[in-house]
């Protein structure tokens, strides 16, 4: 699992907290601040905003979609 992230991004922080609460292992890819330099996340998702989660062949953007996906697929924390 790979999370395209920016440390200063509140939405990314919400996703990291959910991943940690679920005990999931994931790789964090820190994106550059300028959107024009976010080539990798653009190639993966078709857009430059973060967060973007890649889980196998599934690519999800926006914390409001990522968090419900994680809960549905991996369960809620106890």
PDB file of N, CA and C in Angstrom:
ATOM      1  N   UNK A   1       0.853  -1.152   0.000  1.00  0.00           N
ATOM      2  CA  UNK A   1       0.000   0.000   0.000  1.00  0.00           C
ATOM      3  C   UNK A   1       0.911   1.230   0.000  1.00  0.00           C
ATOM      4  N   UNK A   2       0.503   2.240  -0.760  1.00  0.00           N
ATOM      5  CA  UNK A   2       1.314   3.445  -0.895  1.00  0.00           C
ATOM      6  C   UNK A   2       0.414   4.660  -0.721  1.00  0.00           C
ATOM      7  N   UNK A   3       0.871   5.618   0.096  1.00  0.00           N
ATOM      8  CA  UNK A   3       0.134   6.849   0.329  1.00  0.00           C
ATOM      9  C   UNK A   3       0.943   8.027  -0.185  1.00  0.00           C
ATOM     10  N   UNK A   4       0.377   8.740  -1.147  1.00  0.00           N
ATOM     11  CA  UNK A   4       0.965   9.997  -1.605  1.00  0.00           C
ATOM     12  C   UNK A   4       0.489  11.065  -0.637  1.00  0.00           C
ATOM     13  N   UNK A   5       1.437  11.785  -0.051  1.00  0.00           N
ATOM     14  CA  UNK A   5       1.211  12.534   1.167  1.00  0.00           C
ATOM     15  C   UNK A   5       1.999  13.842   1.152  1.00  0.00           C
ATOM     16  N   UNK A   6       1.517  14.796   1.941  1.00  0.00           N
ATOM     17  CA  UNK A   6       2.267  16.001   2.280  1.00  0.00           C
ATOM     18  C   UNK A   6       2.159  16.155   3.792  1.00  0.00           C
ATOM     19  N   UNK A   7       3.278  16.284   4.470  1.00  0.00           N
ATOM     20  CA  UNK A   7       3.281  16.349   5.936  1.00  0.00           C
ATOM     21  C   UNK A   7       2.385  17.448   6.480  1.00  0.00           C
ATOM     22  N   UNK A   8       2.298  18.561   5.792  1.00  0.00           N
ATOM     23  CA  UNK A   8       1.518  19.713   6.253  1.00  0.00           C
ATOM     24  C   UNK A   8       0.024  19.580   5.943  1.00  0.00           C
ATOM     25  N   UNK A   9      -0.357  18.536   5.236  1.00  0.00           N
ATOM     26  CA  UNK A   9      -1.731  18.359   4.757  1.00  0.00           C
ATOM     27  C   UNK A   9      -2.595  17.671   5.828  1.00  0.00           C
ATOM     28  N   UNK A  10      -3.603  18.396   6.320  1.00  0.00           N
ATOM     29  CA  UNK A  10      -4.512  17.861   7.336  1.00  0.00           C
ATOM     30  C   UNK A  10      -5.243  16.621   6.822  1.00  0.00           C
ATOM     31  N   UNK A  11      -5.655  16.607   5.566  1.00  0.00           N
ATOM     32  CA  UNK A  11      -6.385  15.474   4.997  1.00  0.00           C
ATOM     33  C   UNK A  11      -5.494  14.236   4.950  1.00  0.00           C
ATOM     34  N   UNK A  12      -4.228  14.438   4.627  1.00  0.00           N
ATOM     35  CA  UNK A  12      -3.267  13.328   4.622  1.00  0.00           C
ATOM     36  C   UNK A  12      -3.079  12.786   6.034  1.00  0.00           C
ATOM     37  N   UNK A  13      -3.017  13.679   7.007  1.00  0.00           N
ATOM     38  CA  UNK A  13      -2.854  13.265   8.398  1.00  0.00           C
ATOM     39  C   UNK A  13      -4.011  12.373   8.833  1.00  0.00           C
ATOM     40  N   UNK A  14      -5.225  12.712   8.432  1.00  0.00           N
ATOM     41  CA  UNK A  14      -6.392  11.878   8.769  1.00  0.00           C
ATOM     42  C   UNK A  14      -6.222  10.463   8.220  1.00  0.00           C
ATOM     43  N   UNK A  15      -5.724  10.361   6.988  1.00  0.00           N
ATOM     44  CA  UNK A  15      -5.526   9.046   6.361  1.00  0.00           C
ATOM     45  C   UNK A  15      -4.416   8.286   7.081  1.00  0.00           C
ATOM     46  N   UNK A  16      -3.303   8.953   7.392  1.00  0.00           N
ATOM     47  CA  UNK A  16      -2.215   8.284   8.122  1.00  0.00           C
ATOM     48  C   UNK A  16      -2.707   7.766   9.470  1.00  0.00           C
ATOM     49  N   UNK A  17      -3.495   8.574  10.164  1.00  0.00           N
ATOM     50  CA  UNK A  17      -4.030   8.146  11.465  1.00  0.00           C
ATOM     51  C   UNK A  17      -4.921   6.910  11.320  1.00  0.00           C
ATOM     52  N   UNK A  18      -5.731   6.860  10.270  1.00  0.00           N
ATOM     53  CA  UNK A  18      -6.596   5.695  10.052  1.00  0.00           C
ATOM     54  C   UNK A  18      -5.759   4.463   9.715  1.00  0.00           C
ATOM     55  N   UNK A  19      -4.774   4.615   8.848  1.00  0.00           N
ATOM     56  CA  UNK A  19      -3.894   3.494   8.498  1.00  0.00           C
ATOM     57  C   UNK A  19      -3.199   2.953   9.743  1.00  0.00           C
ATOM     58  N   UNK A  20      -2.699   3.857  10.587  1.00  0.00           N
ATOM     59  CA  UNK A  20      -2.023   3.445  11.823  1.00  0.00           C
ATOM     60  C   UNK A  20      -2.997   2.772  12.786  1.00  0.00           C
ATOM     61  N   UNK A  21      -4.195   3.329  12.927  1.00  0.00           N
ATOM     62  CA  UNK A  21      -5.189   2.753  13.837  1.00  0.00           C
ATOM     63  C   UNK A  21      -5.579   1.339  13.408  1.00  0.00           C
ATOM     64  N   UNK A  22      -5.579   1.100  12.107  1.00  0.00           N
ATOM     65  CA  UNK A  22      -5.914  -0.231  11.593  1.00  0.00           C
ATOM     66  C   UNK A  22      -4.711  -1.171  11.594  1.00  0.00           C
ATOM     67  N   UNK A  23      -3.541  -0.650  11.955  1.00  0.00           N
ATOM     68  CA  UNK A  23      -2.337  -1.473  12.021  1.00  0.00           C
ATOM     69  C   UNK A  23      -1.815  -1.887  10.660  1.00  0.00           C
ATOM     70  N   UNK A  24      -2.081  -1.077   9.641  1.00  0.00           N
ATOM     71  CA  UNK A  24      -1.682  -1.424   8.276  1.00  0.00           C
ATOM     72  C   UNK A  24      -0.272  -0.914   7.969  1.00  0.00           C
ATOM     73  N   UNK A  25       0.436  -1.684   7.173  1.00  0.00           N
ATOM     74  CA  UNK A  25       1.759  -1.295   6.702  1.00  0.00           C
ATOM     75  C   UNK A  25       1.595  -0.565   5.386  1.00  0.00           C
ATOM     76  N   UNK A  26       2.271   0.565   5.254  1.00  0.00           N
ATOM     77  CA  UNK A  26       2.153   1.360   4.033  1.00  0.00           C
ATOM     78  C   UNK A  26       3.420   2.163   3.816  1.00  0.00           C
ATOM     79  N   UNK A  27       3.651   2.497   2.576  1.00  0.00           N
ATOM     80  CA  UNK A  27       4.778   3.341   2.188  1.00  0.00           C
ATOM     81  C   UNK A  27       4.258   4.763   1.998  1.00  0.00           C
ATOM     82  N   UNK A  28       4.984   5.735   2.517  1.00  0.00           N
ATOM     83  CA  UNK A  28       4.611   7.131   2.348  1.00  0.00           C
ATOM     84  C   UNK A  28       5.499   7.743   1.269  1.00  0.00           C
ATOM     85  N   UNK A  29       4.866   8.357   0.286  1.00  0.00           N
ATOM     86  CA  UNK A  29       5.590   9.097  -0.748  1.00  0.00           C
ATOM     87  C   UNK A  29       5.268  10.567  -0.532  1.00  0.00           C
ATOM     88  N   UNK A  30       6.262  11.310  -0.087  1.00  0.00           N
ATOM     89  CA  UNK A  30       6.086  12.742   0.171  1.00  0.00           C
ATOM     90  C   UNK A  30       6.122  13.478  -1.169  1.00  0.00           C
ATOM     91  N   UNK A  31       5.066  14.222  -1.458  1.00  0.00           N
ATOM     92  CA  UNK A  31       4.994  14.947  -2.728  1.00  0.00           C
ATOM     93  C   UNK A  31       5.619  16.329  -2.570  1.00  0.00           C
ATOM     94  N   UNK A  32       6.174  16.878  -3.651  1.00  0.00           N
ATOM     95  CA  UNK A  32       6.716  18.236  -3.592  1.00  0.00           C
ATOM     96  C   UNK A  32       5.592  19.251  -3.348  1.00  0.00           C
ATOM     97  N   UNK A  33       5.936  20.402  -2.798  1.00  0.00           N
ATOM     98  CA  UNK A  33       4.940  21.444  -2.555  1.00  0.00           C
ATOM     99  C   UNK A  33       4.348  21.958  -3.870  1.00  0.00           C
ATOM    100  N   UNK A  34       5.163  22.325  -4.872  1.00  0.00           N
ATOM    101  CA  UNK A  34       4.565  22.822  -6.127  1.00  0.00           C
ATOM    102  C   UNK A  34       3.824  21.708  -6.873  1.00  0.00           C
ATOM    103  N   UNK A  35       2.582  21.964  -7.200  1.00  0.00           N
ATOM    104  CA  UNK A  35       1.799  20.966  -7.938  1.00  0.00           C
ATOM    105  C   UNK A  35       2.465  20.592  -9.258  1.00  0.00           C
ATOM    106  N   UNK A  36       3.163  21.521  -9.870  1.00  0.00           N
ATOM    107  CA  UNK A  36       3.806  21.267 -11.173  1.00  0.00           C
ATOM    108  C   UNK A  36       4.911  20.215 -11.082  1.00  0.00           C
ATOM    109  N   UNK A  37       5.387  19.919  -9.876  1.00  0.00           N
ATOM    110  CA  UNK A  37       6.460  18.927  -9.700  1.00  0.00           C
ATOM    111  C   UNK A  37       5.944  17.589  -9.172  1.00  0.00           C
ATOM    112  N   UNK A  38       4.652  17.436  -9.076  1.00  0.00           N
ATOM    113  CA  UNK A  38       4.064  16.197  -8.544  1.00  0.00           C
ATOM    114  C   UNK A  38       3.790  15.203  -9.670  1.00  0.00           C
ATOM    115  N   UNK A  39       4.810  14.864 -10.400  1.00  0.00           N
ATOM    116  CA  UNK A  39       4.668  14.004 -11.585  1.00  0.00           C
ATOM    117  C   UNK A  39       4.218  12.590 -11.240  1.00  0.00           C
ATOM    118  N   UNK A  40       4.794  12.023 -10.177  1.00  0.00           N
ATOM    119  CA  UNK A  40       4.472  10.629  -9.847  1.00  0.00           C
ATOM    120  C   UNK A  40       3.010  10.465  -9.452  1.00  0.00           C
ATOM    121  N   UNK A  41       2.498  11.332  -8.585  1.00  0.00           N
ATOM    122  CA  UNK A  41       1.099  11.212  -8.173  1.00  0.00           C
ATOM    123  C   UNK A  41       0.172  11.520  -9.352  1.00  0.00           C
ATOM    124  N   UNK A  42       0.569  12.413 -10.227  1.00  0.00           N
ATOM    125  CA  UNK A  42      -0.216  12.708 -11.433  1.00  0.00           C
ATOM    126  C   UNK A  42      -0.296  11.475 -12.326  1.00  0.00           C
ATOM    127  N   UNK A  43       0.826  10.802 -12.499  1.00  0.00           N
ATOM    128  CA  UNK A  43       0.857   9.598 -13.334  1.00  0.00           C
ATOM    129  C   UNK A  43      -0.020   8.495 -12.744  1.00  0.00           C
ATOM    130  N   UNK A  44      -0.007   8.360 -11.434  1.00  0.00           N
ATOM    131  CA  UNK A  44      -0.758   7.293 -10.760  1.00  0.00           C
ATOM    132  C   UNK A  44      -2.255   7.573 -10.730  1.00  0.00           C
ATOM    133  N   UNK A  45      -2.614   8.846 -10.449  1.00  0.00           N
ATOM    134  CA  UNK A  45      -4.021   9.144 -10.166  1.00  0.00           C
ATOM    135  C   UNK A  45      -4.700  10.061 -11.173  1.00  0.00           C
ATOM    136  N   UNK A  46      -3.917  10.705 -12.042  1.00  0.00           N
ATOM    137  CA  UNK A  46      -4.506  11.629 -12.995  1.00  0.00           C
ATOM    138  C   UNK A  46      -4.730  13.020 -12.426  1.00  0.00           C
ATOM    139  N   UNK A  47      -4.257  13.266 -11.194  1.00  0.00           N
ATOM    140  CA  UNK A  47      -4.393  14.580 -10.574  1.00  0.00           C
ATOM    141  C   UNK A  47      -3.224  14.804  -9.620  1.00  0.00           C
ATOM    142  N   UNK A  48      -3.060  16.043  -9.172  1.00  0.00           N
ATOM    143  CA  UNK A  48      -1.898  16.364  -8.347  1.00  0.00           C
ATOM    144  C   UNK A  48      -2.227  16.601  -6.876  1.00  0.00           C
ATOM    145  N   UNK A  49      -3.488  16.524  -6.503  1.00  0.00           N
ATOM    146  CA  UNK A  49      -3.865  16.734  -5.108  1.00  0.00           C
ATOM    147  C   UNK A  49      -3.577  15.493  -4.280  1.00  0.00           C
ATOM    148  N   UNK A  50      -3.372  15.693  -2.999  1.00  0.00           N
ATOM    149  CA  UNK A  50      -3.175  14.593  -2.067  1.00  0.00           C
ATOM    150  C   UNK A  50      -4.193  14.733  -0.945  1.00  0.00           C
ATOM    151  N   UNK A  51      -4.515  13.657  -0.273  1.00  0.00           N
ATOM    152  CA  UNK A  51      -3.900  12.342  -0.316  1.00  0.00           C
ATOM    153  C   UNK A  51      -4.413  11.489  -1.475  1.00  0.00           C
ATOM    154  N   UNK A  52      -3.559  10.553  -1.892  1.00  0.00           N
ATOM    155  CA  UNK A  52      -3.925   9.511  -2.841  1.00  0.00           C
ATOM    156  C   UNK A  52      -3.400   8.209  -2.262  1.00  0.00           C
ATOM    157  N   UNK A  53      -4.265   7.211  -2.184  1.00  0.00           N
ATOM    158  CA  UNK A  53      -3.888   5.899  -1.681  1.00  0.00           C
ATOM    159  C   UNK A  53      -3.907   4.907  -2.827  1.00  0.00           C
ATOM    160  N   UNK A  54      -2.828   4.125  -2.921  1.00  0.00           N
ATOM    161  CA  UNK A  54      -2.760   3.044  -3.903  1.00  0.00           C
ATOM    162  C   UNK A  54      -2.710   1.741  -3.114  1.00  0.00           C
ATOM    163  N   UNK A  55      -3.709   0.900  -3.340  1.00  0.00           N
ATOM    164  CA  UNK A  55      -3.814  -0.396  -2.668  1.00  0.00           C
ATOM    165  C   UNK A  55      -3.954  -1.440  -3.761  1.00  0.00           C
ATOM    166  N   UNK A  56      -2.823  -2.018  -4.155  1.00  0.00           N
ATOM    167  CA  UNK A  56      -2.840  -2.950  -5.282  1.00  0.00           C
ATOM    168  C   UNK A  56      -3.218  -2.205  -6.547  1.00  0.00           C
ATOM    169  N   UNK A  57      -4.299  -2.647  -7.200  1.00  0.00           N
ATOM    170  CA  UNK A  57      -4.782  -2.001  -8.423  1.00  0.00           C
ATOM    171  C   UNK A  57      -5.786  -0.892  -8.136  1.00  0.00           C
ATOM    172  N   UNK A  58      -6.100  -0.671  -6.876  1.00  0.00           N
ATOM    173  CA  UNK A  58      -7.085   0.340  -6.492  1.00  0.00           C
ATOM    174  C   UNK A  58      -6.385   1.654  -6.178  1.00  0.00           C
ATOM    175  N   UNK A  59      -6.860   2.731  -6.802  1.00  0.00           N
ATOM    176  CA  UNK A  59      -6.332   4.069  -6.557  1.00  0.00           C
ATOM    177  C   UNK A  59      -7.494   4.934  -6.087  1.00  0.00           C
ATOM    178  N   UNK A  60      -7.317   5.550  -4.913  1.00  0.00           N
ATOM    179  CA  UNK A  60      -8.387   6.355  -4.328  1.00  0.00           C
ATOM    180  C   UNK A  60      -7.803   7.707  -3.930  1.00  0.00           C
ATOM    181  N   UNK A  61      -8.526   8.767  -4.280  1.00  0.00           N
ATOM    182  CA  UNK A  61      -8.114  10.090  -3.834  1.00  0.00           C
ATOM    183  C   UNK A  61      -9.156  10.624  -2.860  1.00  0.00           C
ATOM    184  N   UNK A  62      -8.760  11.602  -2.090  1.00  0.00           N
ATOM    185  CA  UNK A  62      -9.626  12.304  -1.139  1.00  0.00           C
ATOM    186  C   UNK A  62      -9.832  11.479   0.133  1.00  0.00           C
ATOM    187  N   UNK A  63      -9.538  12.110   1.262  1.00  0.00           N
ATOM    188  CA  UNK A  63      -9.667  11.420   2.544  1.00  0.00           C
ATOM    189  C   UNK A  63     -11.091  10.963   2.821  1.00  0.00           C
ATOM    190  N   UNK A  64     -12.088  11.685   2.291  1.00  0.00           N
ATOM    191  CA  UNK A  64     -13.485  11.298   2.503  1.00  0.00           C
ATOM    192  C   UNK A  64     -13.864  10.027   1.741  1.00  0.00           C
ATOM    193  N   UNK A  65     -13.050   9.597   0.808  1.00  0.00           N
ATOM    194  CA  UNK A  65     -13.259   8.315   0.119  1.00  0.00           C
ATOM    195  C   UNK A  65     -12.280   7.254   0.631  1.00  0.00           C
ATOM    196  N   UNK A  66     -11.068   7.688   0.977  1.00  0.00           N
ATOM    197  CA  UNK A  66     -10.043   6.732   1.422  1.00  0.00           C
ATOM    198  C   UNK A  66     -10.430   6.097   2.762  1.00  0.00           C
ATOM    199  N   UNK A  67     -10.852   6.896   3.721  1.00  0.00           N
ATOM    200  CA  UNK A  67     -11.148   6.367   5.055  1.00  0.00           C
ATOM    201  C   UNK A  67     -12.287   5.345   5.033  1.00  0.00           C
ATOM    202  N   UNK A  68     -13.419   5.616   4.373  1.00  0.00           N
ATOM    203  CA  UNK A  68     -14.456   4.577   4.297  1.00  0.00           C
ATOM    204  C   UNK A  68     -13.975   3.311   3.564  1.00  0.00           C
ATOM    205  N   UNK A  69     -13.145   3.487   2.545  1.00  0.00           N
ATOM    206  CA  UNK A  69     -12.582   2.331   1.844  1.00  0.00           C
ATOM    207  C   UNK A  69     -11.765   1.481   2.814  1.00  0.00           C
ATOM    208  N   UNK A  70     -10.886   2.110   3.583  1.00  0.00           N
ATOM    209  CA  UNK A  70     -10.050   1.368   4.523  1.00  0.00           C
ATOM    210  C   UNK A  70     -10.895   0.653   5.570  1.00  0.00           C
ATOM    211  N   UNK A  71     -11.915   1.334   6.087  1.00  0.00           N
ATOM    212  CA  UNK A  71     -12.780   0.705   7.089  1.00  0.00           C
ATOM    213  C   UNK A  71     -13.532  -0.485   6.504  1.00  0.00           C
ATOM    214  N   UNK A  72     -14.029  -0.350   5.285  1.00  0.00           N
ATOM    215  CA  UNK A  72     -14.775  -1.440   4.653  1.00  0.00           C
ATOM    216  C   UNK A  72     -13.879  -2.619   4.324  1.00  0.00           C
ATOM    217  N   UNK A  73     -12.693  -2.333   3.854  1.00  0.00           N
ATOM    218  CA  UNK A  73     -11.793  -3.413   3.414  1.00  0.00           C
ATOM    219  C   UNK A  73     -11.038  -4.049   4.569  1.00  0.00           C
ATOM    220  N   UNK A  74     -10.604  -3.238   5.534  1.00  0.00           N
ATOM    221  CA  UNK A  74      -9.711  -3.747   6.576  1.00  0.00           C
ATOM    222  C   UNK A  74     -10.317  -3.714   7.977  1.00  0.00           C
ATOM    223  N   UNK A  75     -11.542  -3.236   8.091  1.00  0.00           N
ATOM    224  CA  UNK A  75     -12.213  -3.245   9.382  1.00  0.00           C
ATOM    225  C   UNK A  75     -11.940  -2.007  10.201  1.00  0.00           C
ATOM    226  N   UNK A  76     -12.808  -1.783  11.145  1.00  0.00           N
ATOM    227  CA  UNK A  76     -12.655  -0.638  12.048  1.00  0.00           C
ATOM    228  C   UNK A  76     -11.711  -1.034  13.193  1.00  0.00           C
ATOM    229  N   UNK A  77     -10.973  -0.048  13.738  1.00  0.00           N
ATOM    230  CA  UNK A  77     -10.118  -0.386  14.880  1.00  0.00           C
ATOM    231  C   UNK A  77     -10.970  -0.752  16.098  1.00  0.00           C
ATOM    232  N   UNK A  78     -10.446  -1.603  16.923  1.00  0.00           N
ATOM    233  CA  UNK A  78     -11.166  -2.061  18.115  1.00  0.00           C
ATOM    234  C   UNK A  78     -10.943  -1.107  19.258  1.00  0.00           C
TER     235      UNK A  78
END
